[in-house]
Amino acid sequence: MKEYIKTGLILMLFIVISGFIVSLVFVSTKPAIDNAELQAKLKAIKKVLENSRGEGLLISENDIPKTSEELNGAIWDSNNSGILYSNSNSKVYSPAYKYVNDNDQEIYILTVSSIGFGGEVISVVSFVKDEKLYFNNLEVVAYSQETPGLGANIVQDKVKERFYPISYEGLVNGVKVNKDAGVILTTSEQIEEGKEKGIVQTSDIMTGATITPRAVANSINAGFEYLKSKGVIQ
């Protein structure tokens, strides 16, 4: 009986010590993890603040957030659930950010997602309200379950650039990849004209991968729907 008690006490002590070590490791590494996540988010936000209809940034370099405090100062909408908007296949996550530049353009920055081939494809995106709202830029930030060499190519610059800018008319029509639109756009002029209609040519640079770019298109549509629901578009 004493041996059972002794063994039990030893096991309990081992569990307590192991739990303490795990907690200590978590506490010691959490600041580094949080900082890495913050830096990745700040980098993505700076990327989507690049002007896709011109040169440079949409706001002053000095106004680009560099700390969590500066980023929090730009929060436009947030909630405790973590989800600002959702439809059947896409989500808009909290918080949403807003900037106003010297030209009185309103810039909305959202984190959006939709279901790709293996899981969620998450992007940071920007919409600009000038005379009309248009889709300005995107940065894909999570795609780890997409197929290497196929859907994972969504992070290549030449692929991402096919998605922007998209005019207000294209957003109203609904953004879709060319395969879903039933067309193939071959020249650079056709590709740009396609974006005016909401059609994104991807089949030539993402051969065999339709689901992942479709997810990005769906998430852009969700962002547009969310902004409509908030009264950004009258």
C-alpha atoms as a PDB file:
ATOM      1  CA  MET A   1       0.000   0.000   0.000  1.00  0.00           C
ATOM      2  CA  LYS A   2       2.830   2.359   0.913  1.00  0.00           C
ATOM      3  CA  GLU A   3       4.445   1.670  -2.459  1.00  0.00           C
ATOM      4  CA  TYR A   4       1.234   2.701  -4.270  1.00  0.00           C
ATOM      5  CA  ILE A   5       1.081   5.928  -2.288  1.00  0.00           C
ATOM      6  CA  LYS A   6       4.750   6.614  -2.935  1.00  0.00           C
ATOM      7  CA  THR A   7       4.326   5.982  -6.672  1.00  0.00           C
ATOM      8  CA  GLY A   8       1.254   8.212  -6.749  1.00  0.00           C
ATOM      9  CA  LEU A   9       3.061  11.046  -4.997  1.00  0.00           C
ATOM     10  CA  ILE A  10       6.009  10.757  -7.370  1.00  0.00           C
ATOM     11  CA  LEU A  11       3.684  10.896 -10.388  1.00  0.00           C
ATOM     12  CA  MET A  12       1.808  13.861  -8.945  1.00  0.00           C
ATOM     13  CA  LEU A  13       5.068  15.691  -8.297  1.00  0.00           C
ATOM     14  CA  PHE A  14       6.225  14.922 -11.840  1.00  0.00           C
ATOM     15  CA  ILE A  15       2.969  16.301 -13.291  1.00  0.00           C
ATOM     16  CA  VAL A  16       3.194  19.466 -11.183  1.00  0.00           C
ATOM     17  CA  ILE A  17       6.811  20.085 -12.199  1.00  0.00           C
ATOM     18  CA  SER A  18       6.036  19.377 -15.874  1.00  0.00           C
ATOM     19  CA  GLY A  19       3.087  21.765 -15.775  1.00  0.00           C
ATOM     20  CA  PHE A  20       5.253  24.439 -14.193  1.00  0.00           C
ATOM     21  CA  ILE A  21       7.925  24.035 -16.867  1.00  0.00           C
ATOM     22  CA  VAL A  22       5.354  24.222 -19.681  1.00  0.00           C
ATOM     23  CA  SER A  23       3.814  27.342 -18.125  1.00  0.00           C
ATOM     24  CA  LEU A  24       7.237  28.915 -17.731  1.00  0.00           C
ATOM     25  CA  VAL A  25       8.102  28.238 -21.378  1.00  0.00           C
ATOM     26  CA  PHE A  26       4.754  29.672 -22.521  1.00  0.00           C
ATOM     27  CA  VAL A  27       5.135  32.815 -20.426  1.00  0.00           C
ATOM     28  CA  SER A  28       8.716  33.355 -21.594  1.00  0.00           C
ATOM     29  CA  THR A  29       7.972  32.856 -25.305  1.00  0.00           C
ATOM     30  CA  LYS A  30       4.556  34.550 -25.548  1.00  0.00           C
ATOM     31  CA  PRO A  31       5.940  38.112 -25.843  1.00  0.00           C
ATOM     32  CA  ALA A  32       8.166  37.040 -28.747  1.00  0.00           C
ATOM     33  CA  ILE A  33       5.263  35.258 -30.446  1.00  0.00           C
ATOM     34  CA  ASP A  34       2.946  38.241 -29.950  1.00  0.00           C
ATOM     35  CA  ASN A  35       5.578  40.606 -31.337  1.00  0.00           C
ATOM     36  CA  ALA A  36       6.148  38.399 -34.392  1.00  0.00           C
ATOM     37  CA  GLU A  37       2.395  38.355 -35.083  1.00  0.00           C
ATOM     38  CA  LEU A  38       2.207  42.130 -34.662  1.00  0.00           C
ATOM     39  CA  GLN A  39       5.123  42.738 -37.034  1.00  0.00           C
ATOM     40  CA  ALA A  40       3.555  40.448 -39.638  1.00  0.00           C
ATOM     41  CA  LYS A  41       0.273  42.343 -39.362  1.00  0.00           C
ATOM     42  CA  LEU A  42       1.962  45.742 -39.601  1.00  0.00           C
ATOM     43  CA  LYS A  43       3.873  44.571 -42.676  1.00  0.00           C
ATOM     44  CA  ALA A  44       0.657  43.385 -44.338  1.00  0.00           C
ATOM     45  CA  ILE A  45      -1.114  46.650 -43.544  1.00  0.00           C
ATOM     46  CA  LYS A  46       1.706  48.700 -45.054  1.00  0.00           C
ATOM     47  CA  LYS A  47       1.518  46.508 -48.167  1.00  0.00           C
ATOM     48  CA  VAL A  48      -2.211  47.119 -48.680  1.00  0.00           C
ATOM     49  CA  LEU A  49      -1.714  50.844 -48.160  1.00  0.00           C
ATOM     50  CA  GLU A  50       0.307  50.920 -51.382  1.00  0.00           C
ATOM     51  CA  ASN A  51      -1.576  52.774 -54.092  1.00  0.00           C
ATOM     52  CA  SER A  52      -2.575  50.327 -56.836  1.00  0.00           C
ATOM     53  CA  ARG A  53      -3.827  53.179 -59.041  1.00  0.00           C
ATOM     54  CA  GLY A  54      -0.680  55.234 -58.787  1.00  0.00           C
ATOM     55  CA  GLU A  55       2.649  55.352 -57.029  1.00  0.00           C
ATOM     56  CA  GLY A  56       3.671  55.324 -53.407  1.00  0.00           C
ATOM     57  CA  LEU A  57       1.436  55.015 -50.389  1.00  0.00           C
ATOM     58  CA  LEU A  58      -2.149  56.117 -49.895  1.00  0.00           C
ATOM     59  CA  ILE A  59      -1.209  57.849 -46.640  1.00  0.00           C
ATOM     60  CA  SER A  60       1.920  59.564 -45.389  1.00  0.00           C
ATOM     61  CA  GLU A  61       4.817  57.331 -44.410  1.00  0.00           C
ATOM     62  CA  ASN A  62       4.637  58.948 -40.971  1.00  0.00           C
ATOM     63  CA  ASP A  63       1.045  57.749 -40.584  1.00  0.00           C
ATOM     64  CA  ILE A  64       1.871  54.106 -41.300  1.00  0.00           C
ATOM     65  CA  PRO A  65       1.334  52.249 -37.991  1.00  0.00           C
ATOM     66  CA  LYS A  66       4.543  50.978 -36.431  1.00  0.00           C
ATOM     67  CA  THR A  67       3.301  49.962 -32.973  1.00  0.00           C
ATOM     68  CA  SER A  68       0.232  48.270 -31.538  1.00  0.00           C
ATOM     69  CA  GLU A  69      -0.822  51.593 -30.004  1.00  0.00           C
ATOM     70  CA  GLU A  70      -0.700  53.364 -33.368  1.00  0.00           C
ATOM     71  CA  LEU A  71      -2.580  50.495 -34.986  1.00  0.00           C
ATOM     72  CA  ASN A  72      -5.266  50.496 -32.304  1.00  0.00           C
ATOM     73  CA  GLY A  73      -5.726  54.211 -32.880  1.00  0.00           C
ATOM     74  CA  ALA A  74      -6.971  53.441 -36.403  1.00  0.00           C
ATOM     75  CA  ILE A  75      -9.649  50.940 -35.331  1.00  0.00           C
ATOM     76  CA  TRP A  76     -12.938  51.789 -37.024  1.00  0.00           C
ATOM     77  CA  ASP A  77     -15.086  48.814 -36.052  1.00  0.00           C
ATOM     78  CA  SER A  78     -14.637  45.912 -33.643  1.00  0.00           C
ATOM     79  CA  ASN A  79     -16.530  43.483 -31.459  1.00  0.00           C
ATOM     80  CA  ASN A  80     -15.886  40.804 -28.868  1.00  0.00           C
ATOM     81  CA  SER A  81     -16.887  37.877 -31.089  1.00  0.00           C
ATOM     82  CA  GLY A  82     -13.950  38.457 -33.416  1.00  0.00           C
ATOM     83  CA  ILE A  83     -16.153  38.300 -36.520  1.00  0.00           C
ATOM     84  CA  LEU A  84     -17.646  41.481 -37.978  1.00  0.00           C
ATOM     85  CA  TYR A  85     -19.441  39.857 -40.902  1.00  0.00           C
ATOM     86  CA  SER A  86     -19.940  36.420 -42.400  1.00  0.00           C
ATOM     87  CA  ASN A  87     -21.806  34.767 -45.234  1.00  0.00           C
ATOM     88  CA  SER A  88     -22.033  31.172 -46.407  1.00  0.00           C
ATOM     89  CA  ASN A  89     -18.330  30.871 -47.262  1.00  0.00           C
ATOM     90  CA  SER A  90     -16.437  33.947 -46.072  1.00  0.00           C
ATOM     91  CA  LYS A  91     -15.723  36.069 -43.003  1.00  0.00           C
ATOM     92  CA  VAL A  92     -14.566  39.543 -42.072  1.00  0.00           C
ATOM     93  CA  TYR A  93     -12.608  39.578 -38.821  1.00  0.00           C
ATOM     94  CA  SER A  94     -12.452  42.169 -36.071  1.00  0.00           C
ATOM     95  CA  PRO A  95     -11.060  44.772 -35.966  1.00  0.00           C
ATOM     96  CA  ALA A  96     -11.470  46.867 -39.111  1.00  0.00           C
ATOM     97  CA  TYR A  97      -9.279  49.934 -39.617  1.00  0.00           C
ATOM     98  CA  LYS A  98      -9.860  53.260 -41.326  1.00  0.00           C
ATOM     99  CA  TYR A  99      -7.554  56.015 -42.527  1.00  0.00           C
ATOM    100  CA  VAL A 100      -8.317  59.309 -44.255  1.00  0.00           C
ATOM    101  CA  ASN A 101      -5.587  60.805 -46.423  1.00  0.00           C
ATOM    102  CA  ASP A 102      -4.837  64.365 -47.524  1.00  0.00           C
ATOM    103  CA  ASN A 103      -7.097  63.910 -50.563  1.00  0.00           C
ATOM    104  CA  ASP A 104     -10.028  63.049 -48.268  1.00  0.00           C
ATOM    105  CA  GLN A 105     -10.015  59.480 -49.506  1.00  0.00           C
ATOM    106  CA  GLU A 106     -11.278  56.981 -46.956  1.00  0.00           C
ATOM    107  CA  ILE A 107      -9.188  53.812 -46.760  1.00  0.00           C
ATOM    108  CA  TYR A 108     -10.704  50.747 -45.100  1.00  0.00           C
ATOM    109  CA  ILE A 109      -8.449  47.853 -44.107  1.00  0.00           C
ATOM    110  CA  LEU A 110     -10.041  44.494 -43.382  1.00  0.00           C
ATOM    111  CA  THR A 111      -8.900  40.984 -42.545  1.00  0.00           C
ATOM    112  CA  VAL A 112     -10.974  38.558 -44.586  1.00  0.00           C
ATOM    113  CA  SER A 113     -11.071  34.829 -45.214  1.00  0.00           C
ATOM    114  CA  SER A 114     -12.753  32.166 -47.287  1.00  0.00           C
ATOM    115  CA  ILE A 115     -12.397  28.415 -47.666  1.00  0.00           C
ATOM    116  CA  GLY A 116      -9.648  27.243 -50.001  1.00  0.00           C
ATOM    117  CA  PHE A 117      -8.627  23.725 -50.984  1.00  0.00           C
ATOM    118  CA  GLY A 118      -7.341  22.671 -47.571  1.00  0.00           C
ATOM    119  CA  GLY A 119      -8.669  25.293 -45.174  1.00  0.00           C
ATOM    120  CA  GLU A 120      -9.024  29.017 -44.670  1.00  0.00           C
ATOM    121  CA  VAL A 121      -7.197  31.441 -46.934  1.00  0.00           C
ATOM    122  CA  ILE A 122      -6.809  34.678 -44.974  1.00  0.00           C
ATOM    123  CA  SER A 123      -5.936  38.042 -46.498  1.00  0.00           C
ATOM    124  CA  VAL A 124      -5.513  41.627 -45.384  1.00  0.00           C
ATOM    125  CA  VAL A 125      -7.245  43.852 -47.942  1.00  0.00           C
ATOM    126  CA  SER A 126      -7.894  47.537 -48.549  1.00  0.00           C
ATOM    127  CA  PHE A 127     -10.808  49.380 -50.104  1.00  0.00           C
ATOM    128  CA  VAL A 128     -10.660  53.063 -51.011  1.00  0.00           C
ATOM    129  CA  LYS A 129     -13.653  55.389 -51.093  1.00  0.00           C
ATOM    130  CA  ASP A 130     -12.989  58.184 -53.545  1.00  0.00           C
ATOM    131  CA  GLU A 131     -15.854  59.260 -55.752  1.00  0.00           C
ATOM    132  CA  LYS A 132     -16.782  55.598 -55.663  1.00  0.00           C
ATOM    133  CA  LEU A 133     -15.488  52.702 -53.625  1.00  0.00           C
ATOM    134  CA  TYR A 134     -12.892  50.471 -55.269  1.00  0.00           C
ATOM    135  CA  PHE A 135     -10.761  47.526 -54.213  1.00  0.00           C
ATOM    136  CA  ASN A 136      -7.184  48.688 -53.833  1.00  0.00           C
ATOM    137  CA  ASN A 137      -4.806  45.970 -52.660  1.00  0.00           C
ATOM    138  CA  LEU A 138      -4.352  42.688 -50.821  1.00  0.00           C
ATOM    139  CA  GLU A 139      -1.801  40.612 -48.974  1.00  0.00           C
ATOM    140  CA  VAL A 140      -2.389  36.897 -48.392  1.00  0.00           C
ATOM    141  CA  VAL A 141      -1.279  36.131 -44.836  1.00  0.00           C
ATOM    142  CA  ALA A 142      -2.413  32.527 -44.214  1.00  0.00           C
ATOM    143  CA  TYR A 143      -2.568  29.714 -46.753  1.00  0.00           C
ATOM    144  CA  SER A 144      -0.557  26.888 -45.158  1.00  0.00           C
ATOM    145  CA  GLN A 145      -3.004  24.133 -46.109  1.00  0.00           C
ATOM    146  CA  GLU A 146      -3.030  24.966 -49.813  1.00  0.00           C
ATOM    147  CA  THR A 147      -1.252  22.591 -52.197  1.00  0.00           C
ATOM    148  CA  PRO A 148       2.440  23.473 -52.802  1.00  0.00           C
ATOM    149  CA  GLY A 149       3.048  24.405 -56.429  1.00  0.00           C
ATOM    150  CA  LEU A 150      -0.674  24.939 -57.022  1.00  0.00           C
ATOM    151  CA  GLY A 151      -2.892  26.836 -54.591  1.00  0.00           C
ATOM    152  CA  ALA A 152       0.085  27.936 -52.498  1.00  0.00           C
ATOM    153  CA  ASN A 153       1.193  30.057 -55.467  1.00  0.00           C
ATOM    154  CA  ILE A 154      -1.500  32.528 -54.407  1.00  0.00           C
ATOM    155  CA  VAL A 155       1.213  34.429 -52.491  1.00  0.00           C
ATOM    156  CA  GLN A 156       3.247  35.166 -55.613  1.00  0.00           C
ATOM    157  CA  ASP A 157       3.215  38.852 -56.516  1.00  0.00           C
ATOM    158  CA  LYS A 158       2.251  38.151 -60.121  1.00  0.00           C
ATOM    159  CA  VAL A 159      -0.847  36.330 -58.876  1.00  0.00           C
ATOM    160  CA  LYS A 160      -1.879  38.836 -56.215  1.00  0.00           C
ATOM    161  CA  GLU A 161      -1.534  41.714 -58.666  1.00  0.00           C
ATOM    162  CA  ARG A 162      -4.237  40.174 -60.838  1.00  0.00           C
ATOM    163  CA  PHE A 163      -6.771  40.983 -58.102  1.00  0.00           C
ATOM    164  CA  TYR A 164      -6.325  44.758 -57.979  1.00  0.00           C
ATOM    165  CA  PRO A 165      -7.437  47.377 -58.530  1.00  0.00           C
ATOM    166  CA  ILE A 166     -11.087  46.403 -59.038  1.00  0.00           C
ATOM    167  CA  SER A 167     -13.553  49.156 -59.859  1.00  0.00           C
ATOM    168  CA  TYR A 168     -16.829  49.813 -58.070  1.00  0.00           C
ATOM    169  CA  GLU A 169     -18.690  48.327 -61.022  1.00  0.00           C
ATOM    170  CA  GLY A 170     -16.593  45.178 -60.740  1.00  0.00           C
ATOM    171  CA  LEU A 171     -17.369  44.931 -57.029  1.00  0.00           C
ATOM    172  CA  VAL A 172     -21.083  45.353 -57.690  1.00  0.00           C
ATOM    173  CA  ASN A 173     -20.952  42.610 -60.330  1.00  0.00           C
ATOM    174  CA  GLY A 174     -19.195  40.341 -57.834  1.00  0.00           C
ATOM    175  CA  VAL A 175     -15.512  39.416 -58.060  1.00  0.00           C
ATOM    176  CA  LYS A 176     -14.894  36.053 -59.692  1.00  0.00           C
ATOM    177  CA  VAL A 177     -12.009  34.181 -61.286  1.00  0.00           C
ATOM    178  CA  ASN A 178     -12.098  33.884 -65.065  1.00  0.00           C
ATOM    179  CA  LYS A 179     -12.929  30.168 -64.991  1.00  0.00           C
ATOM    180  CA  ASP A 180     -16.109  30.893 -63.034  1.00  0.00           C
ATOM    181  CA  ALA A 181     -16.900  33.732 -65.439  1.00  0.00           C
ATOM    182  CA  GLY A 182     -16.468  31.369 -68.393  1.00  0.00           C
ATOM    183  CA  VAL A 183     -13.877  33.509 -70.173  1.00  0.00           C
ATOM    184  CA  ILE A 184     -10.147  33.530 -70.889  1.00  0.00           C
ATOM    185  CA  LEU A 185      -8.405  36.902 -70.983  1.00  0.00           C
ATOM    186  CA  THR A 186      -5.139  36.720 -72.892  1.00  0.00           C
ATOM    187  CA  THR A 187      -3.790  40.240 -73.387  1.00  0.00           C
ATOM    188  CA  SER A 188      -2.823  42.750 -70.710  1.00  0.00           C
ATOM    189  CA  GLU A 189      -5.566  45.039 -71.990  1.00  0.00           C
ATOM    190  CA  GLN A 190      -8.166  42.298 -71.639  1.00  0.00           C
ATOM    191  CA  ILE A 191      -6.939  41.456 -68.140  1.00  0.00           C
ATOM    192  CA  GLU A 192      -7.286  45.083 -67.018  1.00  0.00           C
ATOM    193  CA  GLU A 193     -10.685  45.417 -68.696  1.00  0.00           C
ATOM    194  CA  GLY A 194     -11.748  42.212 -66.977  1.00  0.00           C
ATOM    195  CA  LYS A 195     -11.025  43.702 -63.561  1.00  0.00           C
ATOM    196  CA  GLU A 196     -13.335  46.592 -64.423  1.00  0.00           C
ATOM    197  CA  LYS A 197     -16.065  43.946 -64.644  1.00  0.00           C
ATOM    198  CA  GLY A 198     -14.906  42.031 -61.581  1.00  0.00           C
ATOM    199  CA  ILE A 199     -13.245  39.218 -63.550  1.00  0.00           C
ATOM    200  CA  VAL A 200      -9.800  38.117 -62.361  1.00  0.00           C
ATOM    201  CA  GLN A 201      -7.680  36.174 -64.850  1.00  0.00           C
ATOM    202  CA  THR A 202      -5.839  33.433 -62.953  1.00  0.00           C
ATOM    203  CA  SER A 203      -6.031  30.254 -65.037  1.00  0.00           C
ATOM    204  CA  ASP A 204      -2.855  31.128 -66.969  1.00  0.00           C
ATOM    205  CA  ILE A 205      -0.659  31.681 -63.898  1.00  0.00           C
ATOM    206  CA  MET A 206      -2.317  29.213 -61.508  1.00  0.00           C
ATOM    207  CA  THR A 207      -2.826  26.265 -63.833  1.00  0.00           C
ATOM    208  CA  GLY A 208      -4.798  23.521 -62.130  1.00  0.00           C
ATOM    209  CA  ALA A 209      -5.662  25.679 -59.118  1.00  0.00           C
ATOM    210  CA  THR A 210      -9.074  27.311 -59.095  1.00  0.00           C
ATOM    211  CA  ILE A 211     -10.293  26.815 -55.532  1.00  0.00           C
ATOM    212  CA  THR A 212      -7.652  28.985 -53.853  1.00  0.00           C
ATOM    213  CA  PRO A 213      -8.025  32.084 -56.065  1.00  0.00           C
ATOM    214  CA  ARG A 214     -11.792  31.605 -55.864  1.00  0.00           C
ATOM    215  CA  ALA A 215     -11.455  31.805 -52.078  1.00  0.00           C
ATOM    216  CA  VAL A 216      -9.629  35.121 -52.393  1.00  0.00           C
ATOM    217  CA  ALA A 217     -12.319  36.436 -54.747  1.00  0.00           C
ATOM    218  CA  ASN A 218     -15.052  35.335 -52.341  1.00  0.00           C
ATOM    219  CA  SER A 219     -13.330  37.030 -49.418  1.00  0.00           C
ATOM    220  CA  ILE A 220     -13.075  40.301 -51.377  1.00  0.00           C
ATOM    221  CA  ASN A 221     -16.806  40.068 -52.037  1.00  0.00           C
ATOM    222  CA  ALA A 222     -17.416  39.542 -48.315  1.00  0.00           C
ATOM    223  CA  GLY A 223     -15.406  42.674 -47.536  1.00  0.00           C
ATOM    224  CA  PHE A 224     -17.497  44.664 -50.012  1.00  0.00           C
ATOM    225  CA  GLU A 225     -20.736  43.289 -48.549  1.00  0.00           C
ATOM    226  CA  TYR A 226     -19.571  44.198 -45.057  1.00  0.00           C
ATOM    227  CA  LEU A 227     -18.790  47.791 -46.039  1.00  0.00           C
ATOM    228  CA  LYS A 228     -22.218  48.048 -47.651  1.00  0.00           C
ATOM    229  CA  SER A 229     -23.813  46.788 -44.445  1.00  0.00           C
ATOM    230  CA  LYS A 230     -21.973  49.524 -42.503  1.00  0.00           C
ATOM    231  CA  GLY A 231     -23.319  52.269 -44.754  1.00  0.00           C
ATOM    232  CA  VAL A 232     -19.995  53.084 -46.419  1.00  0.00           C
ATOM    233  CA  ILE A 233     -21.763  52.735 -49.759  1.00  0.00           C
ATOM    234  CA  GLN A 234     -25.039  54.621 -50.074  1.00  0.00           C
END
